[in-house]
Amino acid sequence: MGRTNTDNLVQQLKSVGLRVTPQRLAIFSALVSTDSHPTAQALFEQLHPQLPSLSQATVYNTLQILAERGLILEIGTAGDGAVHYDGDPTPHVNLICTNCHGVQDLFEIPLGSVAKDKIGQAGFKIHAMHIAFYGQCQDCQDAAASSRLSAGKGVGVLNEPYLSAE
């Protein structure tokens, strides 16, 4: 059974002590059904045509409580000043482009086992984890390189101090 199955979503809401309302279920369903990491405003604009009584406050409040209960992640801004949300709370890295504000998931890094082994040794109980890298996605890098080439400036080398092996 997938995470987006309605019965599964209802069970997840109930398992953390939340009352199931049509608005809450619609917001939760919309978020776990996408990998686009939307903002509250984007979710409101997506859902309002189907739920005309839905208010922006309901969307913001629902996202806040879903994040507090560990069903979703609040991943912060993507350089656009708006908070983005991730419908997948499992350990993974978010790659956040500060140019186009896109967010990509990277699951190939074994974060869960690293956290359990290292952080658990300190006696720290983890209830949520979020790691994000901010930079430029490949499309934005390509567009910038193309723009520099067409302006006759050549392509420079990016300084990557955070990725240095030293």
N, C-alpha and C. Protein backbone atom coordinates (compact mmCIF):
# COMPACT_ATOMS: atom_id res chain seq x y z
N MET A 1 0.84 -1.19 0.00
CA MET A 1 0.00 0.00 0.00
C MET A 1 0.87 1.24 0.00
N GLY A 2 0.64 2.16 -0.90
CA GLY A 2 1.45 3.36 -0.99
C GLY A 2 1.09 4.39 0.07
N ARG A 3 1.99 5.32 0.26
CA ARG A 3 1.79 6.35 1.27
C ARG A 3 0.66 7.29 0.89
N THR A 4 0.29 7.36 -0.38
CA THR A 4 -0.74 8.28 -0.84
C THR A 4 -2.13 7.66 -0.86
N ASN A 5 -2.26 6.40 -0.53
CA ASN A 5 -3.57 5.75 -0.45
C ASN A 5 -4.39 6.46 0.63
N THR A 6 -5.63 6.82 0.32
CA THR A 6 -6.46 7.59 1.24
C THR A 6 -6.61 6.91 2.60
N ASP A 7 -6.86 5.60 2.60
CA ASP A 7 -6.99 4.89 3.87
C ASP A 7 -5.70 4.97 4.69
N ASN A 8 -4.58 4.88 4.00
CA ASN A 8 -3.28 4.97 4.66
C ASN A 8 -3.08 6.37 5.26
N LEU A 9 -3.46 7.40 4.52
CA LEU A 9 -3.33 8.77 5.01
C LEU A 9 -4.22 9.01 6.23
N VAL A 10 -5.44 8.50 6.17
CA VAL A 10 -6.36 8.62 7.31
C VAL A 10 -5.74 7.95 8.54
N GLN A 11 -5.19 6.76 8.34
CA GLN A 11 -4.57 6.03 9.45
C GLN A 11 -3.37 6.80 10.01
N GLN A 12 -2.57 7.40 9.14
CA GLN A 12 -1.42 8.18 9.60
C GLN A 12 -1.86 9.37 10.44
N LEU A 13 -2.90 10.06 9.99
CA LEU A 13 -3.42 11.20 10.76
C LEU A 13 -3.91 10.74 12.13
N LYS A 14 -4.67 9.66 12.14
CA LYS A 14 -5.20 9.16 13.41
C LYS A 14 -4.10 8.66 14.33
N SER A 15 -3.05 8.08 13.75
CA SER A 15 -1.98 7.51 14.57
C SER A 15 -1.21 8.55 15.37
N VAL A 16 -1.28 9.80 14.93
CA VAL A 16 -0.61 10.88 15.67
C VAL A 16 -1.63 11.74 16.41
N GLY A 17 -2.85 11.23 16.54
CA GLY A 17 -3.86 11.90 17.35
C GLY A 17 -4.57 13.05 16.67
N LEU A 18 -4.55 13.09 15.36
CA LEU A 18 -5.22 14.18 14.64
C LEU A 18 -6.60 13.74 14.16
N ARG A 19 -7.53 14.65 14.28
CA ARG A 19 -8.87 14.43 13.75
C ARG A 19 -8.80 14.56 12.23
N VAL A 20 -9.51 13.69 11.54
CA VAL A 20 -9.50 13.70 10.08
C VAL A 20 -10.63 14.60 9.60
N THR A 21 -10.25 15.67 8.91
CA THR A 21 -11.21 16.58 8.29
C THR A 21 -10.97 16.56 6.78
N PRO A 22 -11.96 16.93 5.99
CA PRO A 22 -11.74 16.95 4.53
C PRO A 22 -10.58 17.88 4.13
N GLN A 23 -10.47 19.03 4.80
CA GLN A 23 -9.40 19.98 4.48
C GLN A 23 -8.04 19.40 4.84
N ARG A 24 -7.93 18.84 6.04
CA ARG A 24 -6.65 18.27 6.49
C ARG A 24 -6.23 17.13 5.58
N LEU A 25 -7.17 16.26 5.24
CA LEU A 25 -6.86 15.13 4.37
C LEU A 25 -6.44 15.61 2.98
N ALA A 26 -7.11 16.61 2.46
CA ALA A 26 -6.77 17.14 1.13
C ALA A 26 -5.37 17.76 1.12
N ILE A 27 -5.04 18.51 2.15
CA ILE A 27 -3.72 19.14 2.24
C ILE A 27 -2.64 18.08 2.36
N PHE A 28 -2.85 17.13 3.25
CA PHE A 28 -1.88 16.04 3.45
C PHE A 28 -1.71 15.23 2.16
N SER A 29 -2.81 14.88 1.53
CA SER A 29 -2.78 14.11 0.30
C SER A 29 -2.04 14.85 -0.82
N ALA A 30 -2.33 16.13 -0.97
CA ALA A 30 -1.67 16.92 -2.02
C ALA A 30 -0.17 16.98 -1.80
N LEU A 31 0.24 17.09 -0.56
CA LEU A 31 1.66 17.22 -0.27
C LEU A 31 2.40 15.89 -0.46
N VAL A 32 1.83 14.79 -0.02
CA VAL A 32 2.53 13.51 -0.17
C VAL A 32 2.44 12.97 -1.59
N SER A 33 1.59 13.56 -2.41
CA SER A 33 1.43 13.11 -3.80
C SER A 33 2.36 13.82 -4.78
N THR A 34 3.19 14.73 -4.27
CA THR A 34 4.07 15.48 -5.17
C THR A 34 5.50 15.44 -4.66
N ASP A 35 6.43 15.63 -5.56
CA ASP A 35 7.82 15.77 -5.15
C ASP A 35 8.32 17.19 -5.41
N SER A 36 7.38 18.12 -5.56
CA SER A 36 7.74 19.50 -5.91
C SER A 36 8.04 20.40 -4.71
N HIS A 37 7.84 19.94 -3.49
CA HIS A 37 8.14 20.72 -2.28
C HIS A 37 7.44 22.09 -2.31
N PRO A 38 6.13 22.08 -2.32
CA PRO A 38 5.37 23.32 -2.47
C PRO A 38 5.39 24.19 -1.21
N THR A 39 5.00 25.43 -1.40
CA THR A 39 4.78 26.36 -0.30
C THR A 39 3.32 26.23 0.13
N ALA A 40 3.01 26.83 1.28
CA ALA A 40 1.61 26.84 1.73
C ALA A 40 0.73 27.56 0.71
N GLN A 41 1.24 28.64 0.16
CA GLN A 41 0.48 29.40 -0.83
C GLN A 41 0.19 28.56 -2.08
N ALA A 42 1.19 27.81 -2.53
CA ALA A 42 0.99 26.96 -3.71
C ALA A 42 -0.04 25.88 -3.43
N LEU A 43 0.00 25.29 -2.24
CA LEU A 43 -1.01 24.28 -1.89
C LEU A 43 -2.40 24.90 -1.81
N PHE A 44 -2.48 26.09 -1.24
CA PHE A 44 -3.77 26.78 -1.17
C PHE A 44 -4.33 27.01 -2.58
N GLU A 45 -3.50 27.52 -3.47
CA GLU A 45 -3.95 27.80 -4.84
C GLU A 45 -4.34 26.52 -5.57
N GLN A 46 -3.67 25.42 -5.29
CA GLN A 46 -4.00 24.14 -5.91
C GLN A 46 -5.33 23.59 -5.40
N LEU A 47 -5.58 23.71 -4.09
CA LEU A 47 -6.73 23.07 -3.48
C LEU A 47 -7.99 23.94 -3.41
N HIS A 48 -7.84 25.24 -3.43
CA HIS A 48 -8.98 26.14 -3.25
C HIS A 48 -10.09 25.93 -4.29
N PRO A 49 -9.78 25.68 -5.55
CA PRO A 49 -10.88 25.44 -6.52
C PRO A 49 -11.76 24.25 -6.15
N GLN A 50 -11.17 23.19 -5.56
CA GLN A 50 -11.95 22.02 -5.17
C GLN A 50 -12.59 22.20 -3.79
N LEU A 51 -11.98 23.03 -2.95
CA LEU A 51 -12.46 23.28 -1.59
C LEU A 51 -12.62 24.78 -1.38
N PRO A 52 -13.69 25.38 -1.90
CA PRO A 52 -13.84 26.84 -1.84
C PRO A 52 -13.87 27.39 -0.41
N SER A 53 -14.24 26.57 0.57
CA SER A 53 -14.27 27.05 1.95
C SER A 53 -12.89 27.01 2.61
N LEU A 54 -11.90 26.46 1.93
CA LEU A 54 -10.54 26.37 2.47
C LEU A 54 -9.93 27.76 2.60
N SER A 55 -9.37 28.04 3.76
CA SER A 55 -8.71 29.34 3.96
C SER A 55 -7.20 29.15 3.98
N GLN A 56 -6.48 30.24 3.74
CA GLN A 56 -5.03 30.18 3.80
C GLN A 56 -4.58 29.82 5.21
N ALA A 57 -5.27 30.33 6.21
CA ALA A 57 -4.91 30.03 7.60
C ALA A 57 -5.02 28.53 7.87
N THR A 58 -6.03 27.88 7.32
CA THR A 58 -6.19 26.44 7.51
C THR A 58 -5.01 25.69 6.90
N VAL A 59 -4.57 26.12 5.73
CA VAL A 59 -3.43 25.47 5.08
C VAL A 59 -2.18 25.65 5.94
N TYR A 60 -1.89 26.88 6.35
CA TYR A 60 -0.71 27.14 7.17
C TYR A 60 -0.77 26.36 8.48
N ASN A 61 -1.89 26.39 9.17
CA ASN A 61 -2.03 25.69 10.45
C ASN A 61 -1.92 24.19 10.29
N THR A 62 -2.51 23.65 9.23
CA THR A 62 -2.44 22.22 8.99
C THR A 62 -1.01 21.79 8.70
N LEU A 63 -0.31 22.54 7.88
CA LEU A 63 1.09 22.21 7.58
C LEU A 63 1.94 22.25 8.85
N GLN A 64 1.69 23.22 9.68
CA GLN A 64 2.44 23.34 10.93
C GLN A 64 2.22 22.12 11.82
N ILE A 65 0.98 21.71 12.00
CA ILE A 65 0.70 20.58 12.88
C ILE A 65 1.17 19.26 12.27
N LEU A 66 1.08 19.11 10.94
CA LEU A 66 1.59 17.90 10.29
C LEU A 66 3.10 17.79 10.48
N ALA A 67 3.80 18.93 10.40
CA ALA A 67 5.25 18.94 10.62
C ALA A 67 5.58 18.64 12.08
N GLU A 68 4.83 19.25 12.99
CA GLU A 68 5.07 19.00 14.42
C GLU A 68 4.87 17.54 14.79
N ARG A 69 3.94 16.88 14.13
CA ARG A 69 3.64 15.47 14.43
C ARG A 69 4.53 14.51 13.62
N GLY A 70 5.42 15.04 12.78
CA GLY A 70 6.38 14.21 12.06
C GLY A 70 5.87 13.56 10.80
N LEU A 71 4.71 14.01 10.30
CA LEU A 71 4.16 13.41 9.08
C LEU A 71 4.74 14.04 7.82
N ILE A 72 5.23 15.27 7.92
CA ILE A 72 5.85 15.98 6.80
C ILE A 72 7.06 16.72 7.35
N LEU A 73 7.84 17.33 6.46
CA LEU A 73 8.97 18.16 6.87
C LEU A 73 8.77 19.59 6.42
N GLU A 74 9.09 20.51 7.28
CA GLU A 74 9.19 21.92 6.90
C GLU A 74 10.65 22.13 6.54
N ILE A 75 10.93 22.41 5.27
CA ILE A 75 12.32 22.48 4.84
C ILE A 75 12.86 23.90 4.73
N GLY A 76 12.06 24.88 5.08
CA GLY A 76 12.54 26.26 5.05
C GLY A 76 12.44 26.87 3.67
N THR A 77 13.14 27.96 3.51
CA THR A 77 13.05 28.68 2.25
C THR A 77 14.01 28.10 1.23
N ALA A 78 13.73 28.39 0.00
CA ALA A 78 14.59 27.97 -1.11
C ALA A 78 15.17 29.21 -1.78
N GLY A 79 15.47 30.20 -0.96
CA GLY A 79 16.01 31.44 -1.48
C GLY A 79 14.93 32.38 -2.00
N ASP A 80 13.66 32.01 -1.81
CA ASP A 80 12.56 32.82 -2.31
C ASP A 80 11.74 33.46 -1.19
N GLY A 81 12.17 33.27 0.05
CA GLY A 81 11.48 33.88 1.18
C GLY A 81 10.23 33.14 1.64
N ALA A 82 9.88 32.05 0.99
CA ALA A 82 8.69 31.28 1.35
C ALA A 82 9.11 29.91 1.88
N VAL A 83 8.43 29.45 2.91
CA VAL A 83 8.73 28.15 3.49
C VAL A 83 8.18 27.05 2.58
N HIS A 84 9.00 26.06 2.30
CA HIS A 84 8.61 24.93 1.47
C HIS A 84 8.42 23.71 2.36
N TYR A 85 7.60 22.75 1.89
CA TYR A 85 7.28 21.56 2.66
C TYR A 85 7.58 20.31 1.85
N ASP A 86 7.97 19.27 2.56
CA ASP A 86 8.31 17.99 1.95
C ASP A 86 7.36 16.93 2.50
N GLY A 87 6.67 16.25 1.64
CA GLY A 87 5.72 15.23 2.05
C GLY A 87 6.37 13.92 2.46
N ASP A 88 7.69 13.82 2.32
CA ASP A 88 8.40 12.60 2.69
C ASP A 88 9.29 12.88 3.90
N PRO A 89 8.88 12.42 5.08
CA PRO A 89 9.67 12.70 6.28
C PRO A 89 10.82 11.71 6.52
N THR A 90 11.03 10.75 5.61
CA THR A 90 12.12 9.81 5.82
C THR A 90 13.45 10.53 5.62
N PRO A 91 14.51 10.04 6.26
CA PRO A 91 15.81 10.72 6.15
C PRO A 91 16.31 10.79 4.71
N HIS A 92 16.56 12.00 4.27
CA HIS A 92 17.14 12.23 2.95
C HIS A 92 17.66 13.66 2.91
N VAL A 93 18.40 13.97 1.87
CA VAL A 93 18.98 15.29 1.68
C VAL A 93 18.11 16.07 0.69
N ASN A 94 17.93 17.36 0.96
CA ASN A 94 17.28 18.25 -0.01
C ASN A 94 18.36 19.11 -0.66
N LEU A 95 18.38 19.11 -1.98
CA LEU A 95 19.27 19.98 -2.75
C LEU A 95 18.43 21.17 -3.19
N ILE A 96 18.77 22.35 -2.68
CA ILE A 96 17.93 23.54 -2.87
C ILE A 96 18.65 24.54 -3.74
N CYS A 97 18.04 24.86 -4.87
CA CYS A 97 18.61 25.84 -5.80
C CYS A 97 18.16 27.24 -5.39
N THR A 98 19.13 28.08 -5.08
CA THR A 98 18.80 29.44 -4.65
C THR A 98 18.54 30.36 -5.84
N ASN A 99 18.67 29.83 -7.04
CA ASN A 99 18.40 30.63 -8.23
C ASN A 99 16.95 30.43 -8.71
N CYS A 100 16.58 29.19 -8.99
CA CYS A 100 15.22 28.90 -9.49
C CYS A 100 14.28 28.46 -8.37
N HIS A 101 14.83 28.25 -7.17
CA HIS A 101 14.08 27.88 -5.96
C HIS A 101 13.53 26.45 -6.02
N GLY A 102 14.08 25.65 -6.90
CA GLY A 102 13.67 24.25 -6.96
C GLY A 102 14.31 23.45 -5.83
N VAL A 103 13.66 22.36 -5.46
CA VAL A 103 14.17 21.48 -4.42
C VAL A 103 14.16 20.06 -4.96
N GLN A 104 15.29 19.39 -4.86
CA GLN A 104 15.41 18.01 -5.31
C GLN A 104 15.71 17.12 -4.10
N ASP A 105 15.19 15.91 -4.11
CA ASP A 105 15.47 14.93 -3.07
C ASP A 105 16.64 14.07 -3.48
N LEU A 106 17.49 13.75 -2.51
CA LEU A 106 18.60 12.84 -2.73
C LEU A 106 18.54 11.77 -1.65
N PHE A 107 18.19 10.54 -2.05
CA PHE A 107 17.99 9.45 -1.10
C PHE A 107 19.18 8.51 -1.02
N GLU A 108 20.16 8.65 -1.87
CA GLU A 108 21.24 7.67 -1.95
C GLU A 108 22.22 7.74 -0.80
N ILE A 109 22.11 8.72 0.07
CA ILE A 109 23.02 8.87 1.20
C ILE A 109 22.40 8.18 2.41
N PRO A 110 23.09 7.25 3.06
CA PRO A 110 22.51 6.49 4.18
C PRO A 110 22.46 7.31 5.48
N LEU A 111 21.65 8.33 5.50
CA LEU A 111 21.59 9.23 6.65
C LEU A 111 21.04 8.56 7.90
N GLY A 112 20.05 7.71 7.75
CA GLY A 112 19.44 7.08 8.91
C GLY A 112 20.44 6.28 9.71
N SER A 113 21.25 5.47 9.04
CA SER A 113 22.22 4.64 9.75
C SER A 113 23.33 5.49 10.35
N VAL A 114 23.76 6.54 9.66
CA VAL A 114 24.78 7.43 10.20
C VAL A 114 24.26 8.11 11.47
N ALA A 115 23.05 8.59 11.42
CA ALA A 115 22.47 9.27 12.58
C ALA A 115 22.33 8.32 13.76
N LYS A 116 21.83 7.12 13.51
CA LYS A 116 21.64 6.16 14.60
C LYS A 116 22.97 5.77 15.23
N ASP A 117 23.98 5.53 14.41
CA ASP A 117 25.26 5.09 14.93
C ASP A 117 25.99 6.20 15.70
N LYS A 118 26.07 7.36 15.14
CA LYS A 118 26.86 8.44 15.73
C LYS A 118 26.10 9.26 16.76
N ILE A 119 24.95 9.71 16.42
CA ILE A 119 24.19 10.57 17.33
C ILE A 119 23.59 9.76 18.47
N GLY A 120 23.18 8.54 18.17
CA GLY A 120 22.63 7.67 19.21
C GLY A 120 23.63 7.37 20.30
N GLN A 121 24.91 7.32 19.96
CA GLN A 121 25.95 7.07 20.96
C GLN A 121 26.01 8.18 22.00
N ALA A 122 25.56 9.35 21.63
CA ALA A 122 25.56 10.49 22.56
C ALA A 122 24.31 10.48 23.44
N GLY A 123 23.45 9.49 23.27
CA GLY A 123 22.24 9.42 24.07
C GLY A 123 21.16 10.36 23.62
N PHE A 124 21.27 10.84 22.40
CA PHE A 124 20.31 11.79 21.85
C PHE A 124 19.25 11.03 21.07
N LYS A 125 17.98 11.24 21.39
CA LYS A 125 16.89 10.57 20.68
C LYS A 125 16.41 11.48 19.54
N ILE A 126 16.54 10.99 18.33
CA ILE A 126 16.16 11.76 17.14
C ILE A 126 14.69 11.53 16.83
N HIS A 127 13.93 12.61 16.66
CA HIS A 127 12.54 12.47 16.23
C HIS A 127 12.33 13.05 14.84
N ALA A 128 13.29 13.81 14.35
CA ALA A 128 13.22 14.33 12.98
C ALA A 128 14.63 14.73 12.56
N MET A 129 14.85 14.71 11.25
CA MET A 129 16.15 15.07 10.74
C MET A 129 15.96 15.73 9.37
N HIS A 130 16.73 16.79 9.16
CA HIS A 130 16.66 17.47 7.87
C HIS A 130 18.04 17.99 7.52
N ILE A 131 18.52 17.63 6.35
CA ILE A 131 19.80 18.13 5.86
C ILE A 131 19.54 18.72 4.49
N ALA A 132 20.03 19.94 4.30
CA ALA A 132 19.84 20.62 3.02
C ALA A 132 21.15 21.22 2.56
N PHE A 133 21.37 21.15 1.26
CA PHE A 133 22.50 21.80 0.63
C PHE A 133 21.93 22.88 -0.29
N TYR A 134 22.47 24.08 -0.18
CA TYR A 134 22.02 25.21 -0.98
C TYR A 134 23.06 25.49 -2.05
N GLY A 135 22.60 25.75 -3.25
CA GLY A 135 23.50 26.03 -4.36
C GLY A 135 22.71 26.26 -5.63
N GLN A 136 23.30 25.84 -6.77
CA GLN A 136 22.63 25.99 -8.05
C GLN A 136 22.43 24.63 -8.69
N CYS A 137 21.22 24.39 -9.17
CA CYS A 137 20.93 23.13 -9.86
C CYS A 137 21.64 23.12 -11.22
N GLN A 138 21.67 21.95 -11.83
CA GLN A 138 22.36 21.81 -13.11
C GLN A 138 21.76 22.72 -14.18
N ASP A 139 20.44 22.83 -14.24
CA ASP A 139 19.80 23.68 -15.24
C ASP A 139 20.24 25.14 -15.09
N CYS A 140 20.28 25.63 -13.85
CA CYS A 140 20.69 27.03 -13.62
C CYS A 140 22.17 27.23 -13.92
N GLN A 141 23.00 26.22 -13.61
CA GLN A 141 24.41 26.32 -13.95
C GLN A 141 24.60 26.37 -15.46
N ASP A 142 23.86 25.51 -16.16
CA ASP A 142 23.95 25.48 -17.62
C ASP A 142 23.49 26.80 -18.23
N ALA A 143 22.41 27.35 -17.69
CA ALA A 143 21.89 28.63 -18.19
C ALA A 143 22.89 29.75 -17.94
N ALA A 144 23.53 29.74 -16.76
CA ALA A 144 24.53 30.77 -16.45
C ALA A 144 25.75 30.64 -17.35
N ALA A 145 26.19 29.40 -17.59
CA ALA A 145 27.34 29.18 -18.46
C ALA A 145 27.02 29.63 -19.88
N SER A 146 25.82 29.31 -20.35
CA SER A 146 25.41 29.71 -21.69
C SER A 146 25.35 31.23 -21.80
N SER A 147 24.86 31.87 -20.77
CA SER A 147 24.76 33.32 -20.75
C SER A 147 26.16 33.96 -20.78
N ARG A 148 27.08 33.40 -19.99
CA ARG A 148 28.46 33.93 -19.98
C ARG A 148 29.13 33.74 -21.32
N LEU A 149 28.91 32.57 -21.95
CA LEU A 149 29.52 32.31 -23.25
C LEU A 149 28.97 33.26 -24.31
N SER A 150 27.67 33.49 -24.29
CA SER A 150 27.08 34.37 -25.29
C SER A 150 27.51 35.82 -25.05
N ALA A 151 27.89 36.15 -23.82
CA ALA A 151 28.37 37.50 -23.52
C ALA A 151 29.87 37.60 -23.74
N GLY A 152 30.51 36.47 -24.13
CA GLY A 152 31.94 36.47 -24.40
C GLY A 152 32.80 36.47 -23.15
N LYS A 153 32.27 36.04 -22.03
CA LYS A 153 33.03 36.09 -20.78
C LYS A 153 33.68 34.76 -20.43
N GLY A 154 33.39 33.69 -21.14
CA GLY A 154 33.95 32.39 -20.79
C GLY A 154 33.25 31.79 -19.59
N VAL A 155 33.72 30.64 -19.19
CA VAL A 155 33.13 29.93 -18.06
C VAL A 155 34.15 29.88 -16.94
N GLY A 156 33.76 30.37 -15.77
CA GLY A 156 34.65 30.36 -14.62
C GLY A 156 34.55 29.05 -13.85
N VAL A 157 35.47 28.86 -12.94
CA VAL A 157 35.47 27.68 -12.08
C VAL A 157 34.77 28.03 -10.78
N LEU A 158 33.83 27.21 -10.37
CA LEU A 158 33.12 27.45 -9.12
C LEU A 158 34.00 27.09 -7.94
N ASN A 159 34.01 27.95 -6.94
CA ASN A 159 34.72 27.68 -5.71
C ASN A 159 33.80 26.86 -4.82
N GLU A 160 34.25 25.66 -4.43
CA GLU A 160 33.39 24.77 -3.64
C GLU A 160 34.06 24.46 -2.30
N PRO A 161 34.14 25.46 -1.40
CA PRO A 161 34.87 25.24 -0.14
C PRO A 161 34.24 24.19 0.76
N TYR A 162 32.95 23.97 0.67
CA TYR A 162 32.28 23.02 1.54
C TYR A 162 32.52 21.58 1.11
N LEU A 163 32.99 21.40 -0.12
CA LEU A 163 33.21 20.07 -0.63
C LEU A 163 34.69 19.73 -0.67
N SER A 164 35.52 20.57 -0.11
CA SER A 164 36.97 20.36 -0.12
C SER A 164 37.33 19.14 0.72
N ALA A 165 38.31 18.39 0.23
CA ALA A 165 38.75 17.19 0.96
C ALA A 165 39.75 17.54 2.05
N GLU A 166 40.17 18.77 2.14
CA GLU A 166 41.16 19.17 3.16
C GLU A 166 40.56 19.28 4.52
